Amino acid sequence: MKAAWYQEVGPAKTVLRLGEHPVPEVPSGGVLVNVCASGVNPSDVKRRAGWLNGLMEYPEIIPHSDGAGVIMAVGDKVSKKRVGERVWVYNGQWERPM
């Protein structure tokens, strides 16, 4: 999948990478969303810049907590009928690497 991510905190120009990234595994109760539109939440900018003492919660983070897209895959505890559903995501990256 195409994605932007960072592996260290700092200025966007310095730390953001753009390219192909492995598709993440879908957790049991989760969904995989193909994000079609993504807004920049202030918390995304602050965390990437080093907010919270510059700590990285994960070795790699795909930012942008808010967006809209289509459910592409579901975990085993989610109805398969949800695949193809258009959804919006709010704070989706919070406490997760992507």
N, C-alpha and C. Protein backbone atom coordinates (compact mmCIF):
# COMPACT_ATOMS: atom_id res chain seq x y z
N MET A 1 0.84 -1.18 0.00
CA MET A 1 0.00 0.00 0.00
C MET A 1 0.88 1.23 0.00
N LYS A 2 0.37 2.33 -0.51
CA LYS A 2 1.11 3.59 -0.49
C LYS A 2 0.83 4.27 0.85
N ALA A 3 1.86 4.79 1.50
CA ALA A 3 1.68 5.42 2.81
C ALA A 3 2.79 6.43 3.08
N ALA A 4 2.52 7.29 4.03
CA ALA A 4 3.54 8.17 4.60
C ALA A 4 3.75 7.70 6.03
N TRP A 5 4.98 7.70 6.51
CA TRP A 5 5.26 7.24 7.87
C TRP A 5 6.53 7.91 8.38
N TYR A 6 6.74 7.77 9.69
CA TYR A 6 7.99 8.26 10.28
C TYR A 6 8.48 7.27 11.32
N GLN A 7 9.80 7.25 11.52
CA GLN A 7 10.45 6.35 12.46
C GLN A 7 11.19 7.10 13.56
N GLU A 8 11.12 8.42 13.50
CA GLU A 8 11.68 9.28 14.54
C GLU A 8 10.91 10.59 14.52
N VAL A 9 10.92 11.30 15.63
CA VAL A 9 10.21 12.58 15.68
C VAL A 9 11.10 13.69 15.14
N GLY A 10 10.46 14.74 14.64
CA GLY A 10 11.19 15.88 14.11
C GLY A 10 10.38 16.63 13.08
N PRO A 11 11.01 17.56 12.37
CA PRO A 11 10.31 18.33 11.34
C PRO A 11 9.82 17.41 10.22
N ALA A 12 8.63 17.67 9.71
CA ALA A 12 8.04 16.84 8.66
C ALA A 12 8.99 16.66 7.48
N LYS A 13 9.63 17.73 7.05
CA LYS A 13 10.55 17.69 5.91
C LYS A 13 11.68 16.67 6.12
N THR A 14 12.05 16.48 7.37
CA THR A 14 13.18 15.62 7.71
C THR A 14 12.78 14.17 7.95
N VAL A 15 11.65 13.93 8.63
CA VAL A 15 11.35 12.58 9.10
C VAL A 15 10.28 11.83 8.32
N LEU A 16 9.39 12.52 7.60
CA LEU A 16 8.32 11.81 6.88
C LEU A 16 8.87 11.10 5.66
N ARG A 17 8.45 9.87 5.48
CA ARG A 17 8.81 9.06 4.32
C ARG A 17 7.54 8.75 3.55
N LEU A 18 7.62 8.64 2.24
CA LEU A 18 6.48 8.30 1.40
C LEU A 18 6.89 7.18 0.48
N GLY A 19 6.06 6.14 0.41
CA GLY A 19 6.38 5.04 -0.48
C GLY A 19 5.48 3.85 -0.25
N GLU A 20 5.91 2.71 -0.76
CA GLU A 20 5.16 1.47 -0.56
C GLU A 20 5.43 0.95 0.84
N HIS A 21 4.39 0.46 1.48
CA HIS A 21 4.47 -0.03 2.85
C HIS A 21 3.68 -1.33 2.93
N PRO A 22 4.12 -2.32 3.70
CA PRO A 22 3.35 -3.56 3.83
C PRO A 22 1.95 -3.28 4.37
N VAL A 23 0.97 -4.01 3.84
CA VAL A 23 -0.40 -3.88 4.34
C VAL A 23 -0.45 -4.50 5.74
N PRO A 24 -0.99 -3.76 6.72
CA PRO A 24 -1.03 -4.30 8.08
C PRO A 24 -2.03 -5.44 8.22
N GLU A 25 -1.78 -6.32 9.18
CA GLU A 25 -2.74 -7.38 9.49
C GLU A 25 -3.93 -6.77 10.20
N VAL A 26 -5.11 -7.30 9.93
CA VAL A 26 -6.33 -6.79 10.55
C VAL A 26 -6.52 -7.47 11.90
N PRO A 27 -6.63 -6.70 12.99
CA PRO A 27 -6.86 -7.33 14.30
C PRO A 27 -8.24 -7.98 14.36
N SER A 28 -8.41 -8.90 15.26
CA SER A 28 -9.62 -9.70 15.39
C SER A 28 -10.91 -8.87 15.37
N GLY A 29 -10.97 -7.79 16.12
CA GLY A 29 -12.18 -6.96 16.18
C GLY A 29 -12.07 -5.70 15.37
N GLY A 30 -11.12 -5.64 14.42
CA GLY A 30 -10.87 -4.41 13.69
C GLY A 30 -11.22 -4.49 12.22
N VAL A 31 -10.97 -3.39 11.54
CA VAL A 31 -11.19 -3.31 10.10
C VAL A 31 -9.97 -2.65 9.45
N LEU A 32 -9.77 -2.92 8.18
CA LEU A 32 -8.73 -2.26 7.39
C LEU A 32 -9.44 -1.31 6.43
N VAL A 33 -9.12 -0.02 6.54
CA VAL A 33 -9.77 1.00 5.73
C VAL A 33 -8.79 1.51 4.68
N ASN A 34 -9.21 1.50 3.43
CA ASN A 34 -8.46 2.16 2.36
C ASN A 34 -8.83 3.63 2.46
N VAL A 35 -7.94 4.44 2.99
CA VAL A 35 -8.23 5.86 3.24
C VAL A 35 -8.16 6.62 1.91
N CYS A 36 -9.27 7.28 1.58
CA CYS A 36 -9.35 8.06 0.34
C CYS A 36 -9.12 9.55 0.58
N ALA A 37 -9.42 10.01 1.79
CA ALA A 37 -9.21 11.41 2.15
C ALA A 37 -8.78 11.46 3.61
N SER A 38 -7.80 12.29 3.90
CA SER A 38 -7.27 12.37 5.26
C SER A 38 -6.98 13.81 5.62
N GLY A 39 -7.50 14.23 6.75
CA GLY A 39 -7.20 15.57 7.25
C GLY A 39 -6.04 15.50 8.23
N VAL A 40 -5.43 16.63 8.48
CA VAL A 40 -4.33 16.68 9.44
C VAL A 40 -4.90 17.14 10.78
N ASN A 41 -4.90 16.24 11.75
CA ASN A 41 -5.34 16.56 13.09
C ASN A 41 -4.17 17.24 13.81
N PRO A 42 -4.42 18.28 14.61
CA PRO A 42 -3.31 18.92 15.33
C PRO A 42 -2.48 17.94 16.15
N SER A 43 -3.12 16.89 16.68
CA SER A 43 -2.35 15.92 17.47
C SER A 43 -1.35 15.17 16.59
N ASP A 44 -1.67 14.94 15.31
CA ASP A 44 -0.73 14.29 14.40
C ASP A 44 0.55 15.12 14.27
N VAL A 45 0.38 16.41 14.08
CA VAL A 45 1.52 17.32 13.91
C VAL A 45 2.35 17.38 15.19
N LYS A 46 1.67 17.52 16.33
CA LYS A 46 2.38 17.63 17.61
C LYS A 46 3.17 16.37 17.92
N ARG A 47 2.56 15.20 17.70
CA ARG A 47 3.26 13.95 18.02
C ARG A 47 4.46 13.75 17.11
N ARG A 48 4.30 14.03 15.81
CA ARG A 48 5.41 13.88 14.88
C ARG A 48 6.54 14.85 15.20
N ALA A 49 6.19 16.02 15.72
CA ALA A 49 7.19 17.04 16.04
C ALA A 49 7.91 16.77 17.37
N GLY A 50 7.41 15.82 18.17
CA GLY A 50 8.10 15.48 19.41
C GLY A 50 7.34 15.77 20.68
N TRP A 51 6.06 16.08 20.58
CA TRP A 51 5.21 16.27 21.75
C TRP A 51 5.31 15.03 22.63
N LEU A 52 5.01 15.13 23.87
CA LEU A 52 5.13 14.01 24.83
C LEU A 52 6.59 13.61 25.01
N ASN A 53 7.45 14.59 25.16
CA ASN A 53 8.87 14.37 25.43
C ASN A 53 9.60 13.65 24.30
N GLY A 54 9.06 13.71 23.11
CA GLY A 54 9.73 13.11 21.96
C GLY A 54 9.72 11.60 21.94
N LEU A 55 8.85 10.98 22.73
CA LEU A 55 8.81 9.52 22.78
C LEU A 55 8.05 8.95 21.59
N MET A 56 8.58 7.90 21.01
CA MET A 56 7.91 7.16 19.94
C MET A 56 7.25 5.95 20.60
N GLU A 57 5.94 5.86 20.50
CA GLU A 57 5.22 4.75 21.12
C GLU A 57 5.43 3.44 20.36
N TYR A 58 5.78 3.56 19.09
CA TYR A 58 6.01 2.40 18.22
C TYR A 58 7.23 2.70 17.37
N PRO A 59 7.90 1.69 16.84
CA PRO A 59 9.09 1.94 16.02
C PRO A 59 8.78 2.72 14.74
N GLU A 60 7.54 2.63 14.28
CA GLU A 60 7.13 3.28 13.04
C GLU A 60 5.67 3.73 13.20
N ILE A 61 5.36 4.94 12.75
CA ILE A 61 4.00 5.46 12.88
C ILE A 61 3.53 6.01 11.54
N ILE A 62 2.32 5.60 11.14
CA ILE A 62 1.64 6.20 10.00
C ILE A 62 0.69 7.23 10.58
N PRO A 63 0.95 8.53 10.35
CA PRO A 63 0.13 9.56 10.97
C PRO A 63 -1.22 9.76 10.28
N HIS A 64 -1.92 10.75 10.72
CA HIS A 64 -3.24 11.16 10.21
C HIS A 64 -4.33 10.30 10.82
N SER A 65 -4.84 10.75 11.94
CA SER A 65 -5.85 10.05 12.72
C SER A 65 -7.24 10.15 12.11
N ASP A 66 -7.50 11.16 11.28
CA ASP A 66 -8.85 11.41 10.79
C ASP A 66 -8.91 11.24 9.28
N GLY A 67 -9.99 10.63 8.80
CA GLY A 67 -10.13 10.47 7.36
C GLY A 67 -11.41 9.75 6.98
N ALA A 68 -11.52 9.43 5.72
CA ALA A 68 -12.67 8.72 5.19
C ALA A 68 -12.19 7.75 4.12
N GLY A 69 -12.90 6.64 4.00
CA GLY A 69 -12.51 5.65 3.00
C GLY A 69 -13.47 4.49 2.95
N VAL A 70 -12.96 3.34 2.52
CA VAL A 70 -13.77 2.15 2.31
C VAL A 70 -13.14 0.99 3.07
N ILE A 71 -13.98 0.21 3.77
CA ILE A 71 -13.48 -0.98 4.48
C ILE A 71 -13.07 -2.03 3.44
N MET A 72 -11.80 -2.44 3.51
CA MET A 72 -11.26 -3.41 2.56
C MET A 72 -11.19 -4.82 3.13
N ALA A 73 -11.05 -4.94 4.45
CA ALA A 73 -10.95 -6.24 5.10
C ALA A 73 -11.42 -6.10 6.54
N VAL A 74 -11.86 -7.22 7.12
CA VAL A 74 -12.34 -7.21 8.51
C VAL A 74 -11.70 -8.33 9.30
N GLY A 75 -11.60 -8.13 10.62
CA GLY A 75 -11.13 -9.17 11.51
C GLY A 75 -12.20 -10.23 11.72
N ASP A 76 -11.84 -11.34 12.34
CA ASP A 76 -12.78 -12.45 12.49
C ASP A 76 -13.97 -12.16 13.40
N LYS A 77 -13.94 -11.10 14.17
CA LYS A 77 -15.07 -10.76 15.04
C LYS A 77 -15.96 -9.66 14.43
N VAL A 78 -15.72 -9.32 13.17
CA VAL A 78 -16.49 -8.29 12.48
C VAL A 78 -17.21 -8.93 11.30
N SER A 79 -18.48 -8.56 11.09
CA SER A 79 -19.27 -9.11 9.99
C SER A 79 -18.62 -8.81 8.64
N LYS A 80 -18.51 -9.84 7.81
CA LYS A 80 -17.94 -9.68 6.48
C LYS A 80 -18.80 -8.75 5.60
N LYS A 81 -20.03 -8.52 6.00
CA LYS A 81 -20.91 -7.61 5.27
C LYS A 81 -20.39 -6.17 5.28
N ARG A 82 -19.49 -5.87 6.21
CA ARG A 82 -18.94 -4.52 6.32
C ARG A 82 -17.93 -4.20 5.21
N VAL A 83 -17.37 -5.22 4.57
CA VAL A 83 -16.42 -4.98 3.48
C VAL A 83 -17.12 -4.20 2.38
N GLY A 84 -16.48 -3.13 1.92
CA GLY A 84 -17.05 -2.27 0.89
C GLY A 84 -17.82 -1.08 1.44
N GLU A 85 -18.05 -1.07 2.75
CA GLU A 85 -18.79 0.03 3.39
C GLU A 85 -17.93 1.29 3.44
N ARG A 86 -18.53 2.42 3.10
CA ARG A 86 -17.83 3.70 3.20
C ARG A 86 -17.93 4.19 4.64
N VAL A 87 -16.79 4.62 5.18
CA VAL A 87 -16.73 5.01 6.60
C VAL A 87 -15.88 6.26 6.77
N TRP A 88 -16.04 6.91 7.92
CA TRP A 88 -15.13 7.98 8.32
C TRP A 88 -14.44 7.53 9.59
N VAL A 89 -13.24 8.01 9.79
CA VAL A 89 -12.42 7.60 10.92
C VAL A 89 -12.04 8.84 11.71
N TYR A 90 -12.22 8.78 13.01
CA TYR A 90 -11.82 9.87 13.90
C TYR A 90 -10.87 9.31 14.94
N ASN A 91 -9.71 9.88 15.07
CA ASN A 91 -8.71 9.45 16.05
C ASN A 91 -8.31 7.98 15.87
N GLY A 92 -8.30 7.54 14.63
CA GLY A 92 -8.03 6.14 14.33
C GLY A 92 -6.62 5.67 14.66
N GLN A 93 -5.67 6.56 14.68
CA GLN A 93 -4.28 6.16 14.93
C GLN A 93 -3.93 6.21 16.41
N TRP A 94 -4.79 6.75 17.24
CA TRP A 94 -4.48 6.92 18.66
C TRP A 94 -4.16 5.58 19.31
N GLU A 95 -3.01 5.48 19.93
CA GLU A 95 -2.52 4.29 20.63
C GLU A 95 -2.35 3.08 19.71
N ARG A 96 -2.15 3.36 18.41
CA ARG A 96 -1.86 2.31 17.43
C ARG A 96 -0.78 2.86 16.49
N PRO A 97 0.02 1.99 15.90
CA PRO A 97 1.06 2.49 15.00
C PRO A 97 0.52 2.98 13.66
N MET A 98 -0.68 2.56 13.28
CA MET A 98 -1.28 2.99 12.01
C MET A 98 -2.76 2.81 12.05
